[in-house]
């Protein structure tokens, strides 16, 4: 039961992140695909997004190597899943999806704890 609640909360957070974080990063730091951990943290605060899900922003705007340096070790295996989940919620008109995001990932297969 608690795992289902965690997954639902993650999906709700992904929706909020996808609608607010990308536009905020573009406004503050210009267009581009990659941003630093500090830029993402600052944008998350400005948008008043839940910081416990910052791994969504890291996965969306960092390559996998940089993600591993910024995110918790327990989140490393979920890089592709988090990235896909984020881009699933991006409004079509506001941001184009990067080429290396899988189309139909198993986004409900998220292991580890999401505290």
PDB file of N, CA and C in Angstrom:
ATOM      1  N   UNK A   1       0.813  -1.194   0.000  1.00  0.00           N
ATOM      2  CA  UNK A   1       0.000   0.000   0.000  1.00  0.00           C
ATOM      3  C   UNK A   1       0.860   1.264   0.000  1.00  0.00           C
ATOM      4  N   UNK A   2       1.882   1.286   0.863  1.00  0.00           N
ATOM      5  CA  UNK A   2       2.734   2.476   0.942  1.00  0.00           C
ATOM      6  C   UNK A   2       3.541   2.661  -0.334  1.00  0.00           C
ATOM      7  N   UNK A   3       3.922   1.557  -0.969  1.00  0.00           N
ATOM      8  CA  UNK A   3       4.675   1.641  -2.230  1.00  0.00           C
ATOM      9  C   UNK A   3       3.816   2.285  -3.312  1.00  0.00           C
ATOM     10  N   UNK A   4       2.551   1.927  -3.375  1.00  0.00           N
ATOM     11  CA  UNK A   4       1.632   2.518  -4.346  1.00  0.00           C
ATOM     12  C   UNK A   4       1.486   4.017  -4.099  1.00  0.00           C
ATOM     13  N   UNK A   5       1.376   4.412  -2.852  1.00  0.00           N
ATOM     14  CA  UNK A   5       1.263   5.834  -2.515  1.00  0.00           C
ATOM     15  C   UNK A   5       2.524   6.578  -2.932  1.00  0.00           C
ATOM     16  N   UNK A   6       3.701   5.981  -2.694  1.00  0.00           N
ATOM     17  CA  UNK A   6       4.959   6.610  -3.107  1.00  0.00           C
ATOM     18  C   UNK A   6       5.011   6.797  -4.616  1.00  0.00           C
ATOM     19  N   UNK A   7       4.562   5.806  -5.356  1.00  0.00           N
ATOM     20  CA  UNK A   7       4.578   5.900  -6.821  1.00  0.00           C
ATOM     21  C   UNK A   7       3.620   6.971  -7.317  1.00  0.00           C
ATOM     22  N   UNK A   8       2.460   7.062  -6.702  1.00  0.00           N
ATOM     23  CA  UNK A   8       1.499   8.099  -7.096  1.00  0.00           C
ATOM     24  C   UNK A   8       2.072   9.480  -6.805  1.00  0.00           C
ATOM     25  N   UNK A   9       2.675   9.633  -5.633  1.00  0.00           N
ATOM     26  CA  UNK A   9       3.296  10.928  -5.297  1.00  0.00           C
ATOM     27  C   UNK A   9       4.411  11.282  -6.265  1.00  0.00           C
ATOM     28  N   UNK A  10       5.194  10.288  -6.672  1.00  0.00           N
ATOM     29  CA  UNK A  10       6.273  10.524  -7.636  1.00  0.00           C
ATOM     30  C   UNK A  10       5.691  10.992  -8.967  1.00  0.00           C
ATOM     31  N   UNK A  11       4.610  10.377  -9.414  1.00  0.00           N
ATOM     32  CA  UNK A  11       3.989  10.784 -10.678  1.00  0.00           C
ATOM     33  C   UNK A  11       3.416  12.200 -10.583  1.00  0.00           C
ATOM     34  N   UNK A  12       2.816  12.531  -9.462  1.00  0.00           N
ATOM     35  CA  UNK A  12       2.302  13.890  -9.281  1.00  0.00           C
ATOM     36  C   UNK A  12       3.440  14.905  -9.264  1.00  0.00           C
ATOM     37  N   UNK A  13       4.536  14.556  -8.605  1.00  0.00           N
ATOM     38  CA  UNK A  13       5.700  15.446  -8.574  1.00  0.00           C
ATOM     39  C   UNK A  13       6.286  15.587  -9.979  1.00  0.00           C
ATOM     40  N   UNK A  14       6.333  14.500 -10.731  1.00  0.00           N
ATOM     41  CA  UNK A  14       6.872  14.563 -12.093  1.00  0.00           C
ATOM     42  C   UNK A  14       6.048  15.517 -12.952  1.00  0.00           C
ATOM     43  N   UNK A  15       4.760  15.491 -12.757  1.00  0.00           N
ATOM     44  CA  UNK A  15       3.893  16.402 -13.512  1.00  0.00           C
ATOM     45  C   UNK A  15       4.206  17.856 -13.178  1.00  0.00           C
ATOM     46  N   UNK A  16       4.334  18.151 -11.890  1.00  0.00           N
ATOM     47  CA  UNK A  16       4.654  19.529 -11.480  1.00  0.00           C
ATOM     48  C   UNK A  16       6.035  19.940 -11.964  1.00  0.00           C
ATOM     49  N   UNK A  17       7.016  19.047 -11.819  1.00  0.00           N
ATOM     50  CA  UNK A  17       8.367  19.344 -12.276  1.00  0.00           C
ATOM     51  C   UNK A  17       8.385  19.615 -13.780  1.00  0.00           C
ATOM     52  N   UNK A  18       7.706  18.774 -14.548  1.00  0.00           N
ATOM     53  CA  UNK A  18       7.731  18.891 -16.009  1.00  0.00           C
ATOM     54  C   UNK A  18       7.087  20.191 -16.485  1.00  0.00           C
ATOM     55  N   UNK A  19       6.115  20.659 -15.782  1.00  0.00           N
ATOM     56  CA  UNK A  19       5.426  21.881 -16.206  1.00  0.00           C
ATOM     57  C   UNK A  19       6.145  23.156 -15.762  1.00  0.00           C
ATOM     58  N   UNK A  20       6.929  23.085 -14.702  1.00  0.00           N
ATOM     59  CA  UNK A  20       7.522  24.304 -14.152  1.00  0.00           C
ATOM     60  C   UNK A  20       9.043  24.396 -14.275  1.00  0.00           C
ATOM     61  N   UNK A  21       9.740  23.288 -14.111  1.00  0.00           N
ATOM     62  CA  UNK A  21      11.196  23.349 -14.005  1.00  0.00           C
ATOM     63  C   UNK A  21      11.877  23.760 -15.308  1.00  0.00           C
ATOM     64  N   UNK A  22      11.526  23.132 -16.411  1.00  0.00           N
ATOM     65  CA  UNK A  22      12.151  23.460 -17.700  1.00  0.00           C
ATOM     66  C   UNK A  22      12.011  24.931 -18.071  1.00  0.00           C
ATOM     67  N   UNK A  23      10.783  25.471 -18.019  1.00  0.00           N
ATOM     68  CA  UNK A  23      10.624  26.896 -18.332  1.00  0.00           C
ATOM     69  C   UNK A  23      11.421  27.816 -17.390  1.00  0.00           C
ATOM     70  N   UNK A  24      11.478  27.458 -16.112  1.00  0.00           N
ATOM     71  CA  UNK A  24      12.240  28.274 -15.157  1.00  0.00           C
ATOM     72  C   UNK A  24      13.730  28.242 -15.487  1.00  0.00           C
ATOM     73  N   UNK A  25      14.257  27.074 -15.791  1.00  0.00           N
ATOM     74  CA  UNK A  25      15.674  26.953 -16.156  1.00  0.00           C
ATOM     75  C   UNK A  25      15.983  27.751 -17.417  1.00  0.00           C
ATOM     76  N   UNK A  26      15.107  27.691 -18.410  1.00  0.00           N
ATOM     77  CA  UNK A  26      15.334  28.451 -19.648  1.00  0.00           C
ATOM     78  C   UNK A  26      15.297  29.945 -19.386  1.00  0.00           C
ATOM     79  N   UNK A  27      14.365  30.398 -18.540  1.00  0.00           N
ATOM     80  CA  UNK A  27      14.289  31.829 -18.217  1.00  0.00           C
ATOM     81  C   UNK A  27      15.543  32.303 -17.496  1.00  0.00           C
ATOM     82  N   UNK A  28      15.992  31.517 -16.537  1.00  0.00           N
ATOM     83  CA  UNK A  28      17.110  31.952 -15.707  1.00  0.00           C
ATOM     84  C   UNK A  28      18.479  31.723 -16.342  1.00  0.00           C
ATOM     85  N   UNK A  29      18.637  30.637 -17.090  1.00  0.00           N
ATOM     86  CA  UNK A  29      19.970  30.247 -17.556  1.00  0.00           C
ATOM     87  C   UNK A  29      20.071  30.058 -19.065  1.00  0.00           C
ATOM     88  N   UNK A  30      19.021  30.370 -19.801  1.00  0.00           N
ATOM     89  CA  UNK A  30      19.047  30.224 -21.246  1.00  0.00           C
ATOM     90  C   UNK A  30      18.739  28.800 -21.676  1.00  0.00           C
ATOM     91  N   UNK A  31      18.549  28.651 -22.969  1.00  0.00           N
ATOM     92  CA  UNK A  31      18.225  27.341 -23.525  1.00  0.00           C
ATOM     93  C   UNK A  31      19.407  26.402 -23.453  1.00  0.00           C
ATOM     94  N   UNK A  32      19.132  25.157 -23.515  1.00  0.00           N
ATOM     95  CA  UNK A  32      20.173  24.143 -23.452  1.00  0.00           C
ATOM     96  C   UNK A  32      19.605  22.874 -22.872  1.00  0.00           C
ATOM     97  N   UNK A  33      20.342  21.811 -23.019  1.00  0.00           N
ATOM     98  CA  UNK A  33      19.855  20.519 -22.528  1.00  0.00           C
ATOM     99  C   UNK A  33      20.400  20.202 -21.145  1.00  0.00           C
ATOM    100  N   UNK A  34      21.574  20.698 -20.818  1.00  0.00           N
ATOM    101  CA  UNK A  34      22.222  20.346 -19.549  1.00  0.00           C
ATOM    102  C   UNK A  34      22.369  21.571 -18.654  1.00  0.00           C
ATOM    103  N   UNK A  35      22.088  21.355 -17.380  1.00  0.00           N
ATOM    104  CA  UNK A  35      22.250  22.389 -16.365  1.00  0.00           C
ATOM    105  C   UNK A  35      23.013  21.781 -15.192  1.00  0.00           C
ATOM    106  N   UNK A  36      23.575  22.627 -14.342  1.00  0.00           N
ATOM    107  CA  UNK A  36      24.313  22.136 -13.186  1.00  0.00           C
ATOM    108  C   UNK A  36      23.357  21.810 -12.052  1.00  0.00           C
ATOM    109  N   UNK A  37      23.858  21.066 -11.077  1.00  0.00           N
ATOM    110  CA  UNK A  37      23.047  20.712  -9.911  1.00  0.00           C
ATOM    111  C   UNK A  37      22.607  21.978  -9.174  1.00  0.00           C
ATOM    112  N   UNK A  38      23.488  22.957  -9.064  1.00  0.00           N
ATOM    113  CA  UNK A  38      23.155  24.208  -8.396  1.00  0.00           C
ATOM    114  C   UNK A  38      22.064  24.978  -9.116  1.00  0.00           C
ATOM    115  N   UNK A  39      22.122  25.016 -10.439  1.00  0.00           N
ATOM    116  CA  UNK A  39      21.086  25.692 -11.209  1.00  0.00           C
ATOM    117  C   UNK A  39      19.739  24.997 -11.035  1.00  0.00           C
ATOM    118  N   UNK A  40      19.751  23.677 -11.033  1.00  0.00           N
ATOM    119  CA  UNK A  40      18.509  22.916 -10.862  1.00  0.00           C
ATOM    120  C   UNK A  40      17.944  23.130  -9.462  1.00  0.00           C
ATOM    121  N   UNK A  41      18.807  23.098  -8.440  1.00  0.00           N
ATOM    122  CA  UNK A  41      18.342  23.333  -7.059  1.00  0.00           C
ATOM    123  C   UNK A  41      17.718  24.720  -6.922  1.00  0.00           C
ATOM    124  N   UNK A  42      18.362  25.729  -7.507  1.00  0.00           N
ATOM    125  CA  UNK A  42      17.853  27.097  -7.428  1.00  0.00           C
ATOM    126  C   UNK A  42      16.495  27.213  -8.115  1.00  0.00           C
ATOM    127  N   UNK A  43      16.370  26.616  -9.283  1.00  0.00           N
ATOM    128  CA  UNK A  43      15.100  26.663 -10.011  1.00  0.00           C
ATOM    129  C   UNK A  43      13.999  25.922  -9.257  1.00  0.00           C
ATOM    130  N   UNK A  44      14.349  24.805  -8.629  1.00  0.00           N
ATOM    131  CA  UNK A  44      13.368  24.053  -7.839  1.00  0.00           C
ATOM    132  C   UNK A  44      12.846  24.918  -6.693  1.00  0.00           C
ATOM    133  N   UNK A  45      13.737  25.650  -6.035  1.00  0.00           N
ATOM    134  CA  UNK A  45      13.309  26.539  -4.945  1.00  0.00           C
ATOM    135  C   UNK A  45      12.419  27.660  -5.465  1.00  0.00           C
ATOM    136  N   UNK A  46      12.817  28.275  -6.585  1.00  0.00           N
ATOM    137  CA  UNK A  46      12.026  29.374  -7.148  1.00  0.00           C
ATOM    138  C   UNK A  46      10.624  28.918  -7.546  1.00  0.00           C
ATOM    139  N   UNK A  47      10.526  27.705  -8.049  1.00  0.00           N
ATOM    140  CA  UNK A  47       9.236  27.170  -8.486  1.00  0.00           C
ATOM    141  C   UNK A  47       8.428  26.574  -7.342  1.00  0.00           C
ATOM    142  N   UNK A  48       9.032  26.517  -6.161  1.00  0.00           N
ATOM    143  CA  UNK A  48       8.400  25.916  -4.989  1.00  0.00           C
ATOM    144  C   UNK A  48       7.982  24.465  -5.249  1.00  0.00           C
ATOM    145  N   UNK A  49       8.894  23.737  -5.880  1.00  0.00           N
ATOM    146  CA  UNK A  49       8.674  22.315  -6.131  1.00  0.00           C
ATOM    147  C   UNK A  49       9.180  21.511  -4.938  1.00  0.00           C
ATOM    148  N   UNK A  50       8.640  20.332  -4.712  1.00  0.00           N
ATOM    149  CA  UNK A  50       9.099  19.517  -3.575  1.00  0.00           C
ATOM    150  C   UNK A  50      10.536  19.045  -3.785  1.00  0.00           C
ATOM    151  N   UNK A  51      11.427  19.450  -2.903  1.00  0.00           N
ATOM    152  CA  UNK A  51      12.856  19.139  -3.031  1.00  0.00           C
ATOM    153  C   UNK A  51      13.140  17.645  -2.904  1.00  0.00           C
ATOM    154  N   UNK A  52      12.258  16.897  -2.272  1.00  0.00           N
ATOM    155  CA  UNK A  52      12.500  15.460  -2.111  1.00  0.00           C
ATOM    156  C   UNK A  52      12.506  14.745  -3.454  1.00  0.00           C
ATOM    157  N   UNK A  53      11.950  15.369  -4.513  1.00  0.00           N
ATOM    158  CA  UNK A  53      11.921  14.755  -5.837  1.00  0.00           C
ATOM    159  C   UNK A  53      12.875  15.429  -6.818  1.00  0.00           C
ATOM    160  N   UNK A  54      13.888  16.092  -6.312  1.00  0.00           N
ATOM    161  CA  UNK A  54      14.829  16.790  -7.178  1.00  0.00           C
ATOM    162  C   UNK A  54      15.533  15.836  -8.142  1.00  0.00           C
ATOM    163  N   UNK A  55      15.542  14.563  -7.813  1.00  0.00           N
ATOM    164  CA  UNK A  55      16.145  13.559  -8.694  1.00  0.00           C
ATOM    165  C   UNK A  55      15.470  13.568 -10.065  1.00  0.00           C
ATOM    166  N   UNK A  56      14.221  13.962 -10.149  1.00  0.00           N
ATOM    167  CA  UNK A  56      13.539  14.096 -11.436  1.00  0.00           C
ATOM    168  C   UNK A  56      14.202  15.179 -12.285  1.00  0.00           C
ATOM    169  N   UNK A  57      14.497  16.304 -11.663  1.00  0.00           N
ATOM    170  CA  UNK A  57      15.164  17.388 -12.377  1.00  0.00           C
ATOM    171  C   UNK A  57      16.575  17.024 -12.778  1.00  0.00           C
ATOM    172  N   UNK A  58      17.285  16.366 -11.883  1.00  0.00           N
ATOM    173  CA  UNK A  58      18.638  15.919 -12.213  1.00  0.00           C
ATOM    174  C   UNK A  58      18.623  14.976 -13.400  1.00  0.00           C
ATOM    175  N   UNK A  59      17.711  14.002 -13.389  1.00  0.00           N
ATOM    176  CA  UNK A  59      17.650  13.025 -14.480  1.00  0.00           C
ATOM    177  C   UNK A  59      17.261  13.681 -15.796  1.00  0.00           C
ATOM    178  N   UNK A  60      16.379  14.658 -15.742  1.00  0.00           N
ATOM    179  CA  UNK A  60      15.900  15.309 -16.961  1.00  0.00           C
ATOM    180  C   UNK A  60      16.949  16.198 -17.605  1.00  0.00           C
ATOM    181  N   UNK A  61      17.773  16.859 -16.801  1.00  0.00           N
ATOM    182  CA  UNK A  61      18.668  17.876 -17.344  1.00  0.00           C
ATOM    183  C   UNK A  61      20.145  17.590 -17.154  1.00  0.00           C
ATOM    184  N   UNK A  62      20.495  16.352 -16.831  1.00  0.00           N
ATOM    185  CA  UNK A  62      21.898  15.956 -16.695  1.00  0.00           C
ATOM    186  C   UNK A  62      22.112  14.653 -17.444  1.00  0.00           C
ATOM    187  N   UNK A  63      23.325  14.483 -17.959  1.00  0.00           N
ATOM    188  CA  UNK A  63      23.635  13.177 -18.533  1.00  0.00           C
ATOM    189  C   UNK A  63      23.834  12.187 -17.386  1.00  0.00           C
ATOM    190  N   UNK A  64      23.908  10.917 -17.706  1.00  0.00           N
ATOM    191  CA  UNK A  64      23.915   9.904 -16.648  1.00  0.00           C
ATOM    192  C   UNK A  64      25.126  10.019 -15.734  1.00  0.00           C
ATOM    193  N   UNK A  65      26.263  10.364 -16.285  1.00  0.00           N
ATOM    194  CA  UNK A  65      27.479  10.482 -15.465  1.00  0.00           C
ATOM    195  C   UNK A  65      27.342  11.621 -14.455  1.00  0.00           C
ATOM    196  N   UNK A  66      26.846  12.761 -14.891  1.00  0.00           N
ATOM    197  CA  UNK A  66      26.656  13.904 -14.004  1.00  0.00           C
ATOM    198  C   UNK A  66      25.568  13.612 -12.976  1.00  0.00           C
ATOM    199  N   UNK A  67      24.514  12.912 -13.421  1.00  0.00           N
ATOM    200  CA  UNK A  67      23.434  12.502 -12.515  1.00  0.00           C
ATOM    201  C   UNK A  67      23.988  11.678 -11.360  1.00  0.00           C
ATOM    202  N   UNK A  68      24.905  10.771 -11.657  1.00  0.00           N
ATOM    203  CA  UNK A  68      25.485   9.924 -10.610  1.00  0.00           C
ATOM    204  C   UNK A  68      26.281  10.741  -9.591  1.00  0.00           C
ATOM    205  N   UNK A  69      26.845  11.848 -10.019  1.00  0.00           N
ATOM    206  CA  UNK A  69      27.590  12.697  -9.080  1.00  0.00           C
ATOM    207  C   UNK A  69      26.649  13.514  -8.190  1.00  0.00           C
ATOM    208  N   UNK A  70      25.459  13.855  -8.705  1.00  0.00           N
ATOM    209  CA  UNK A  70      24.542  14.728  -7.967  1.00  0.00           C
ATOM    210  C   UNK A  70      23.499  13.969  -7.150  1.00  0.00           C
ATOM    211  N   UNK A  71      23.047  12.830  -7.642  1.00  0.00           N
ATOM    212  CA  UNK A  71      21.944  12.105  -7.008  1.00  0.00           C
ATOM    213  C   UNK A  71      22.453  11.100  -5.982  1.00  0.00           C
ATOM    214  N   UNK A  72      21.535  10.633  -5.145  1.00  0.00           N
ATOM    215  CA  UNK A  72      21.856   9.587  -4.180  1.00  0.00           C
ATOM    216  C   UNK A  72      22.172   8.294  -4.911  1.00  0.00           C
ATOM    217  N   UNK A  73      23.054   7.533  -4.338  1.00  0.00           N
ATOM    218  CA  UNK A  73      23.474   6.255  -4.936  1.00  0.00           C
ATOM    219  C   UNK A  73      22.280   5.321  -5.178  1.00  0.00           C
ATOM    220  N   UNK A  74      21.286   5.347  -4.299  1.00  0.00           N
ATOM    221  CA  UNK A  74      20.118   4.483  -4.451  1.00  0.00           C
ATOM    222  C   UNK A  74      19.276   4.837  -5.680  1.00  0.00           C
ATOM    223  N   UNK A  75      19.436   6.053  -6.204  1.00  0.00           N
ATOM    224  CA  UNK A  75      18.678   6.488  -7.377  1.00  0.00           C
ATOM    225  C   UNK A  75      19.386   6.183  -8.693  1.00  0.00           C
ATOM    226  N   UNK A  76      20.634   5.796  -8.665  1.00  0.00           N
ATOM    227  CA  UNK A  76      21.399   5.570  -9.888  1.00  0.00           C
ATOM    228  C   UNK A  76      20.737   4.598 -10.859  1.00  0.00           C
ATOM    229  N   UNK A  77      20.231   3.454 -10.395  1.00  0.00           N
ATOM    230  CA  UNK A  77      19.640   2.510 -11.357  1.00  0.00           C
ATOM    231  C   UNK A  77      18.371   3.037 -12.039  1.00  0.00           C
ATOM    232  N   UNK A  78      17.751   4.052 -11.474  1.00  0.00           N
ATOM    233  CA  UNK A  78      16.484   4.557 -11.990  1.00  0.00           C
ATOM    234  C   UNK A  78      16.624   5.774 -12.894  1.00  0.00           C
ATOM    235  N   UNK A  79      17.831   6.060 -13.357  1.00  0.00           N
ATOM    236  CA  UNK A  79      18.068   7.240 -14.191  1.00  0.00           C
ATOM    237  C   UNK A  79      17.122   7.281 -15.396  1.00  0.00           C
ATOM    238  N   UNK A  80      17.081   6.229 -16.185  1.00  0.00           N
ATOM    239  CA  UNK A  80      16.253   6.202 -17.389  1.00  0.00           C
ATOM    240  C   UNK A  80      14.770   6.291 -17.048  1.00  0.00           C
ATOM    241  N   UNK A  81      14.359   5.638 -15.987  1.00  0.00           N
ATOM    242  CA  UNK A  81      12.949   5.653 -15.577  1.00  0.00           C
ATOM    243  C   UNK A  81      12.539   7.063 -15.144  1.00  0.00           C
ATOM    244  N   UNK A  82      13.363   7.714 -14.345  1.00  0.00           N
ATOM    245  CA  UNK A  82      13.067   9.075 -13.893  1.00  0.00           C
ATOM    246  C   UNK A  82      13.027  10.041 -15.072  1.00  0.00           C
ATOM    247  N   UNK A  83      13.962   9.898 -15.970  1.00  0.00           N
ATOM    248  CA  UNK A  83      14.041  10.754 -17.153  1.00  0.00           C
ATOM    249  C   UNK A  83      12.785  10.582 -18.018  1.00  0.00           C
ATOM    250  N   UNK A  84      12.385   9.353 -18.237  1.00  0.00           N
ATOM    251  CA  UNK A  84      11.191   9.077 -19.038  1.00  0.00           C
ATOM    252  C   UNK A  84       9.934   9.600 -18.361  1.00  0.00           C
ATOM    253  N   UNK A  85       9.861   9.423 -17.067  1.00  0.00           N
ATOM    254  CA  UNK A  85       8.703   9.897 -16.317  1.00  0.00           C
ATOM    255  C   UNK A  85       8.577  11.414 -16.422  1.00  0.00           C
ATOM    256  N   UNK A  86       9.686  12.114 -16.295  1.00  0.00           N
ATOM    257  CA  UNK A  86       9.673  13.568 -16.415  1.00  0.00           C
ATOM    258  C   UNK A  86       9.156  13.984 -17.797  1.00  0.00           C
ATOM    259  N   UNK A  87       9.740  13.421 -18.847  1.00  0.00           N
ATOM    260  CA  UNK A  87       9.388  13.848 -20.199  1.00  0.00           C
ATOM    261  C   UNK A  87       8.017  13.352 -20.647  1.00  0.00           C
ATOM    262  N   UNK A  88       7.457  12.396 -19.932  1.00  0.00           N
ATOM    263  CA  UNK A  88       6.089  11.974 -20.218  1.00  0.00           C
ATOM    264  C   UNK A  88       5.107  13.097 -19.908  1.00  0.00           C
ATOM    265  N   UNK A  89       5.430  13.941 -18.935  1.00  0.00           N
ATOM    266  CA  UNK A  89       4.524  14.995 -18.485  1.00  0.00           C
ATOM    267  C   UNK A  89       4.820  16.361 -19.088  1.00  0.00           C
ATOM    268  N   UNK A  90       5.882  16.513 -19.853  1.00  0.00           N
ATOM    269  CA  UNK A  90       6.215  17.815 -20.435  1.00  0.00           C
ATOM    270  C   UNK A  90       5.139  18.193 -21.452  1.00  0.00           C
ATOM    271  N   UNK A  91       4.559  19.382 -21.326  1.00  0.00           N
ATOM    272  CA  UNK A  91       3.576  19.818 -22.321  1.00  0.00           C
ATOM    273  C   UNK A  91       4.217  19.869 -23.707  1.00  0.00           C
ATOM    274  N   UNK A  92       3.531  19.388 -24.700  1.00  0.00           N
ATOM    275  CA  UNK A  92       4.077  19.270 -26.046  1.00  0.00           C
ATOM    276  C   UNK A  92       4.529  20.609 -26.602  1.00  0.00           C
ATOM    277  N   UNK A  93       3.790  21.644 -26.380  1.00  0.00           N
ATOM    278  CA  UNK A  93       4.112  22.933 -26.974  1.00  0.00           C
ATOM    279  C   UNK A  93       5.243  23.672 -26.282  1.00  0.00           C
ATOM    280  N   UNK A  94       5.602  23.264 -25.053  1.00  0.00           N
ATOM    281  CA  UNK A  94       6.562  24.067 -24.303  1.00  0.00           C
ATOM    282  C   UNK A  94       8.001  23.591 -24.411  1.00  0.00           C
ATOM    283  N   UNK A  95       8.215  22.332 -24.759  1.00  0.00           N
ATOM    284  CA  UNK A  95       9.583  21.826 -24.707  1.00  0.00           C
ATOM    285  C   UNK A  95       9.677  20.572 -25.546  1.00  0.00           C
ATOM    286  N   UNK A  96      10.711  20.474 -26.352  1.00  0.00           N
ATOM    287  CA  UNK A  96      10.847  19.264 -27.162  1.00  0.00           C
ATOM    288  C   UNK A  96      11.584  18.186 -26.382  1.00  0.00           C
ATOM    289  N   UNK A  97      11.162  16.944 -26.549  1.00  0.00           N
ATOM    290  CA  UNK A  97      11.745  15.812 -25.840  1.00  0.00           C
ATOM    291  C   UNK A  97      13.100  15.468 -26.450  1.00  0.00           C
ATOM    292  N   UNK A  98      14.131  15.262 -25.644  1.00  0.00           N
ATOM    293  CA  UNK A  98      15.430  14.876 -26.171  1.00  0.00           C
ATOM    294  C   UNK A  98      15.362  13.542 -26.909  1.00  0.00           C
ATOM    295  N   UNK A  99      16.299  13.327 -27.796  1.00  0.00           N
ATOM    296  CA  UNK A  99      16.300  12.125 -28.622  1.00  0.00           C
ATOM    297  C   UNK A  99      16.540  10.854 -27.835  1.00  0.00           C
ATOM    298  N   UNK A 100      17.314  10.893 -26.764  1.00  0.00           N
ATOM    299  CA  UNK A 100      17.722   9.679 -26.079  1.00  0.00           C
ATOM    300  C   UNK A 100      16.776   9.241 -24.958  1.00  0.00           C
ATOM    301  N   UNK A 101      15.522   9.678 -24.980  1.00  0.00           N
ATOM    302  CA  UNK A 101      14.545   9.253 -23.983  1.00  0.00           C
ATOM    303  C   UNK A 101      13.736   8.109 -24.578  1.00  0.00           C
ATOM    304  N   UNK A 102      13.679   6.955 -23.921  1.00  0.00           N
ATOM    305  CA  UNK A 102      12.917   5.831 -24.443  1.00  0.00           C
ATOM    306  C   UNK A 102      11.431   6.162 -24.538  1.00  0.00           C
ATOM    307  N   UNK A 103      10.772   5.620 -25.544  1.00  0.00           N
ATOM    308  CA  UNK A 103       9.362   5.919 -25.768  1.00  0.00           C
ATOM    309  C   UNK A 103       8.431   5.314 -24.720  1.00  0.00           C
ATOM    310  N   UNK A 104       8.502   4.020 -24.496  1.00  0.00           N
ATOM    311  CA  UNK A 104       7.575   3.353 -23.588  1.00  0.00           C
ATOM    312  C   UNK A 104       8.315   2.593 -22.504  1.00  0.00           C
ATOM    313  N   UNK A 105       8.927   3.269 -21.585  1.00  0.00           N
ATOM    314  CA  UNK A 105       9.635   2.559 -20.512  1.00  0.00           C
ATOM    315  C   UNK A 105       8.648   2.005 -19.495  1.00  0.00           C
ATOM    316  N   UNK A 106       9.126   1.121 -18.702  1.00  0.00           N
ATOM    317  CA  UNK A 106       8.314   0.569 -17.621  1.00  0.00           C
ATOM    318  C   UNK A 106       8.411   1.532 -16.439  1.00  0.00           C
ATOM    319  N   UNK A 107       7.672   2.646 -16.507  1.00  0.00           N
ATOM    320  CA  UNK A 107       7.829   3.694 -15.502  1.00  0.00           C
ATOM    321  C   UNK A 107       7.242   3.328 -14.154  1.00  0.00           C
ATOM    322  N   UNK A 108       6.467   2.274 -14.085  1.00  0.00           N
ATOM    323  CA  UNK A 108       5.976   1.848 -12.780  1.00  0.00           C
ATOM    324  C   UNK A 108       6.972   0.948 -12.087  1.00  0.00           C
ATOM    325  N   UNK A 109       8.054   0.553 -12.763  1.00  0.00           N
ATOM    326  CA  UNK A 109       9.080  -0.291 -12.175  1.00  0.00           C
ATOM    327  C   UNK A 109      10.147   0.619 -11.557  1.00  0.00           C
ATOM    328  N   UNK A 110       9.886   1.051 -10.391  1.00  0.00           N
ATOM    329  CA  UNK A 110      10.862   1.895  -9.708  1.00  0.00           C
ATOM    330  C   UNK A 110      11.229   1.188  -8.418  1.00  0.00           C
ATOM    331  N   UNK A 111      12.503   0.917  -8.307  1.00  0.00           N
ATOM    332  CA  UNK A 111      12.954   0.197  -7.122  1.00  0.00           C
ATOM    333  C   UNK A 111      13.532   1.179  -6.116  1.00  0.00           C
ATOM    334  N   UNK A 112      13.721   0.709  -4.910  1.00  0.00           N
ATOM    335  CA  UNK A 112      14.313   1.536  -3.863  1.00  0.00           C
ATOM    336  C   UNK A 112      13.261   2.365  -3.168  1.00  0.00           C
ATOM    337  N   UNK A 113      13.701   3.087  -2.187  1.00  0.00           N
ATOM    338  CA  UNK A 113      12.765   3.918  -1.432  1.00  0.00           C
ATOM    339  C   UNK A 113      12.792   5.334  -1.973  1.00  0.00           C
ATOM    340  N   UNK A 114      11.662   5.974  -1.934  1.00  0.00           N
ATOM    341  CA  UNK A 114      11.531   7.353  -2.430  1.00  0.00           C
ATOM    342  C   UNK A 114      11.217   8.265  -1.262  1.00  0.00           C
ATOM    343  N   UNK A 115      12.153   8.381  -0.379  1.00  0.00           N
ATOM    344  CA  UNK A 115      11.900   9.203   0.797  1.00  0.00           C
ATOM    345  C   UNK A 115      12.096  10.661   0.499  1.00  0.00           C
TER     346      UNK A 115
END
